[in-house]
Amino acid sequence: METRSYLLDVSGDRIPTWDSFVRLVDVMERLRLNQLELRVGHAFTYVGHEDVWDGTSPLTPGQLRRLSSLCDAHGVRLVCA
């Protein structure tokens, strides 16, 4: 199957709400987009690099696992960069 992707840049502390992620993945499924490229940059809780994301609202591993499960349920592959 051909890859039809959407790039969402959440670096710079522009993290969508959970409801926004749900709506996005739902719309992607309806548009037959099958890959969500999530550019997280420093917006992730990198262990040992707290100084990079300190004072922001970064994504946690648990949130990314939850988002990955949501994407899987809608036939969308999650790719984090």
N, C-alpha and C. Protein backbone atom coordinates (compact mmCIF):
# COMPACT_ATOMS: atom_id res chain seq x y z
N MET A 1 0.84 -1.18 0.00
CA MET A 1 0.00 0.00 0.00
C MET A 1 0.89 1.25 0.00
N GLU A 2 0.49 2.23 -0.74
CA GLU A 2 1.21 3.50 -0.81
C GLU A 2 1.10 4.25 0.51
N THR A 3 2.19 4.89 0.90
CA THR A 3 2.19 5.67 2.14
C THR A 3 1.59 7.04 1.88
N ARG A 4 0.58 7.36 2.66
CA ARG A 4 -0.05 8.69 2.61
C ARG A 4 0.07 9.25 4.02
N SER A 5 0.90 10.27 4.15
CA SER A 5 1.35 10.70 5.46
C SER A 5 0.95 12.13 5.78
N TYR A 6 0.87 12.40 7.08
CA TYR A 6 0.65 13.75 7.59
C TYR A 6 1.73 14.03 8.61
N LEU A 7 2.41 15.17 8.49
CA LEU A 7 3.46 15.56 9.43
C LEU A 7 2.89 16.56 10.42
N LEU A 8 3.01 16.23 11.70
CA LEU A 8 2.57 17.13 12.77
C LEU A 8 3.78 17.47 13.62
N ASP A 9 4.14 18.74 13.64
CA ASP A 9 5.29 19.21 14.41
C ASP A 9 4.81 19.71 15.77
N VAL A 10 5.15 18.96 16.82
CA VAL A 10 4.75 19.36 18.17
C VAL A 10 5.95 19.84 18.98
N SER A 11 7.08 20.05 18.31
CA SER A 11 8.24 20.59 19.02
C SER A 11 7.94 22.04 19.39
N GLY A 12 8.69 22.56 20.29
CA GLY A 12 8.44 23.94 20.70
C GLY A 12 7.27 24.06 21.64
N ASP A 13 6.92 22.96 22.33
CA ASP A 13 5.86 22.96 23.34
C ASP A 13 4.49 23.30 22.76
N ARG A 14 4.20 22.81 21.57
CA ARG A 14 2.88 22.99 20.97
C ARG A 14 2.16 21.64 20.94
N ILE A 15 1.94 21.07 22.11
CA ILE A 15 1.37 19.74 22.22
C ILE A 15 -0.15 19.81 22.15
N PRO A 16 -0.77 19.12 21.19
CA PRO A 16 -2.24 19.09 21.13
C PRO A 16 -2.83 18.36 22.34
N THR A 17 -4.08 18.63 22.63
CA THR A 17 -4.78 17.91 23.68
C THR A 17 -5.07 16.49 23.18
N TRP A 18 -5.43 15.61 24.10
CA TRP A 18 -5.78 14.24 23.72
C TRP A 18 -6.95 14.25 22.75
N ASP A 19 -7.97 15.07 23.02
CA ASP A 19 -9.13 15.14 22.12
C ASP A 19 -8.72 15.58 20.72
N SER A 20 -7.76 16.48 20.62
CA SER A 20 -7.27 16.91 19.31
C SER A 20 -6.57 15.77 18.58
N PHE A 21 -5.78 14.97 19.30
CA PHE A 21 -5.16 13.80 18.69
C PHE A 21 -6.22 12.83 18.19
N VAL A 22 -7.25 12.59 18.99
CA VAL A 22 -8.33 11.67 18.60
C VAL A 22 -9.00 12.16 17.32
N ARG A 23 -9.34 13.45 17.27
CA ARG A 23 -9.98 14.01 16.07
C ARG A 23 -9.06 13.90 14.86
N LEU A 24 -7.77 14.20 15.05
CA LEU A 24 -6.82 14.14 13.95
C LEU A 24 -6.74 12.73 13.37
N VAL A 25 -6.60 11.74 14.23
CA VAL A 25 -6.47 10.36 13.75
C VAL A 25 -7.77 9.91 13.08
N ASP A 26 -8.90 10.33 13.59
CA ASP A 26 -10.19 10.01 12.97
C ASP A 26 -10.28 10.61 11.57
N VAL A 27 -9.90 11.86 11.43
CA VAL A 27 -9.92 12.52 10.12
C VAL A 27 -8.92 11.85 9.17
N MET A 28 -7.76 11.51 9.70
CA MET A 28 -6.77 10.83 8.85
C MET A 28 -7.32 9.53 8.29
N GLU A 29 -8.01 8.77 9.13
CA GLU A 29 -8.60 7.51 8.66
C GLU A 29 -9.62 7.78 7.56
N ARG A 30 -10.47 8.78 7.76
CA ARG A 30 -11.49 9.09 6.75
C ARG A 30 -10.87 9.57 5.44
N LEU A 31 -9.72 10.24 5.53
CA LEU A 31 -9.03 10.71 4.33
C LEU A 31 -8.09 9.66 3.75
N ARG A 32 -8.08 8.49 4.37
CA ARG A 32 -7.23 7.37 3.96
C ARG A 32 -5.74 7.70 4.04
N LEU A 33 -5.39 8.51 5.03
CA LEU A 33 -3.98 8.75 5.34
C LEU A 33 -3.55 7.62 6.26
N ASN A 34 -2.41 7.02 6.00
CA ASN A 34 -2.04 5.84 6.77
C ASN A 34 -0.76 5.99 7.60
N GLN A 35 -0.25 7.21 7.69
CA GLN A 35 0.94 7.41 8.51
C GLN A 35 0.92 8.81 9.13
N LEU A 36 1.12 8.86 10.44
CA LEU A 36 1.25 10.12 11.16
C LEU A 36 2.71 10.28 11.56
N GLU A 37 3.37 11.27 10.98
CA GLU A 37 4.74 11.58 11.35
C GLU A 37 4.69 12.66 12.41
N LEU A 38 5.10 12.31 13.60
CA LEU A 38 5.03 13.21 14.75
C LEU A 38 6.44 13.70 15.06
N ARG A 39 6.69 14.96 14.78
CA ARG A 39 8.00 15.54 15.08
C ARG A 39 7.96 16.09 16.49
N VAL A 40 8.63 15.39 17.42
CA VAL A 40 8.57 15.77 18.83
C VAL A 40 9.72 16.67 19.26
N GLY A 41 10.86 16.57 18.60
CA GLY A 41 11.99 17.41 19.00
C GLY A 41 12.27 17.29 20.48
N HIS A 42 12.30 18.42 21.17
CA HIS A 42 12.56 18.40 22.62
C HIS A 42 11.29 18.24 23.44
N ALA A 43 10.15 18.04 22.79
CA ALA A 43 8.87 17.92 23.49
C ALA A 43 8.60 16.48 23.94
N PHE A 44 9.63 15.82 24.45
CA PHE A 44 9.53 14.45 24.94
C PHE A 44 10.36 14.36 26.21
N THR A 45 9.91 13.54 27.14
CA THR A 45 10.60 13.40 28.43
C THR A 45 11.81 12.49 28.32
N TYR A 46 12.84 12.96 27.65
CA TYR A 46 14.08 12.19 27.51
C TYR A 46 14.73 12.03 28.88
N VAL A 47 14.94 10.80 29.30
CA VAL A 47 15.57 10.51 30.59
C VAL A 47 17.03 10.95 30.55
N GLY A 48 17.44 11.66 31.57
CA GLY A 48 18.81 12.14 31.64
C GLY A 48 19.02 13.47 30.94
N HIS A 49 17.98 13.98 30.30
CA HIS A 49 18.07 15.26 29.59
C HIS A 49 16.94 16.18 30.03
N GLU A 50 16.66 16.18 31.32
CA GLU A 50 15.57 16.97 31.85
C GLU A 50 15.74 18.46 31.56
N ASP A 51 16.98 18.91 31.45
CA ASP A 51 17.22 20.33 31.17
C ASP A 51 16.68 20.74 29.81
N VAL A 52 16.52 19.79 28.89
CA VAL A 52 16.00 20.10 27.56
C VAL A 52 14.51 20.42 27.60
N TRP A 53 13.75 19.69 28.42
CA TRP A 53 12.30 19.86 28.43
C TRP A 53 11.77 20.45 29.73
N ASP A 54 12.64 20.80 30.65
CA ASP A 54 12.22 21.38 31.91
C ASP A 54 11.44 22.68 31.68
N GLY A 55 10.32 22.81 32.36
CA GLY A 55 9.48 24.00 32.23
C GLY A 55 8.50 23.95 31.08
N THR A 56 8.44 22.81 30.39
CA THR A 56 7.49 22.65 29.28
C THR A 56 6.51 21.54 29.62
N SER A 57 5.65 21.21 28.70
CA SER A 57 4.68 20.13 28.87
C SER A 57 4.96 19.04 27.85
N PRO A 58 6.05 18.30 28.01
CA PRO A 58 6.44 17.32 27.00
C PRO A 58 5.57 16.07 27.01
N LEU A 59 5.62 15.33 25.91
CA LEU A 59 4.95 14.04 25.83
C LEU A 59 5.73 13.01 26.62
N THR A 60 5.01 12.12 27.26
CA THR A 60 5.63 11.04 28.03
C THR A 60 5.60 9.75 27.21
N PRO A 61 6.41 8.77 27.58
CA PRO A 61 6.34 7.48 26.89
C PRO A 61 4.93 6.88 26.95
N GLY A 62 4.25 7.02 28.07
CA GLY A 62 2.89 6.49 28.19
C GLY A 62 1.92 7.16 27.23
N GLN A 63 2.05 8.47 27.06
CA GLN A 63 1.18 9.18 26.12
C GLN A 63 1.45 8.73 24.68
N LEU A 64 2.72 8.51 24.35
CA LEU A 64 3.03 8.05 23.00
C LEU A 64 2.54 6.63 22.76
N ARG A 65 2.61 5.78 23.79
CA ARG A 65 2.06 4.42 23.65
C ARG A 65 0.55 4.48 23.43
N ARG A 66 -0.12 5.34 24.18
CA ARG A 66 -1.57 5.50 24.03
C ARG A 66 -1.90 6.00 22.62
N LEU A 67 -1.14 6.98 22.14
CA LEU A 67 -1.36 7.51 20.79
C LEU A 67 -1.08 6.43 19.75
N SER A 68 -0.05 5.63 19.96
CA SER A 68 0.27 4.55 19.04
C SER A 68 -0.88 3.54 18.97
N SER A 69 -1.46 3.21 20.11
CA SER A 69 -2.60 2.29 20.15
C SER A 69 -3.80 2.87 19.41
N LEU A 70 -4.04 4.16 19.60
CA LEU A 70 -5.13 4.83 18.89
C LEU A 70 -4.89 4.77 17.38
N CYS A 71 -3.67 5.08 16.97
CA CYS A 71 -3.34 5.04 15.54
C CYS A 71 -3.53 3.64 14.98
N ASP A 72 -3.03 2.63 15.70
CA ASP A 72 -3.18 1.24 15.25
C ASP A 72 -4.64 0.88 15.03
N ALA A 73 -5.50 1.32 15.94
CA ALA A 73 -6.93 1.00 15.85
C ALA A 73 -7.58 1.65 14.62
N HIS A 74 -6.94 2.69 14.08
CA HIS A 74 -7.49 3.40 12.92
C HIS A 74 -6.70 3.12 11.65
N GLY A 75 -5.79 2.16 11.70
CA GLY A 75 -5.01 1.82 10.51
C GLY A 75 -3.97 2.86 10.14
N VAL A 76 -3.50 3.60 11.14
CA VAL A 76 -2.51 4.65 10.93
C VAL A 76 -1.22 4.25 11.63
N ARG A 77 -0.12 4.35 10.93
CA ARG A 77 1.20 4.05 11.53
C ARG A 77 1.75 5.32 12.15
N LEU A 78 2.18 5.26 13.40
CA LEU A 78 2.78 6.40 14.08
C LEU A 78 4.29 6.34 13.93
N VAL A 79 4.88 7.42 13.43
CA VAL A 79 6.33 7.53 13.28
C VAL A 79 6.77 8.77 14.03
N CYS A 80 7.58 8.59 15.05
CA CYS A 80 8.07 9.73 15.84
C CYS A 80 9.49 10.09 15.41
N ALA A 81 9.73 11.37 15.31
CA ALA A 81 11.07 11.84 14.93
C ALA A 81 11.47 13.00 15.81
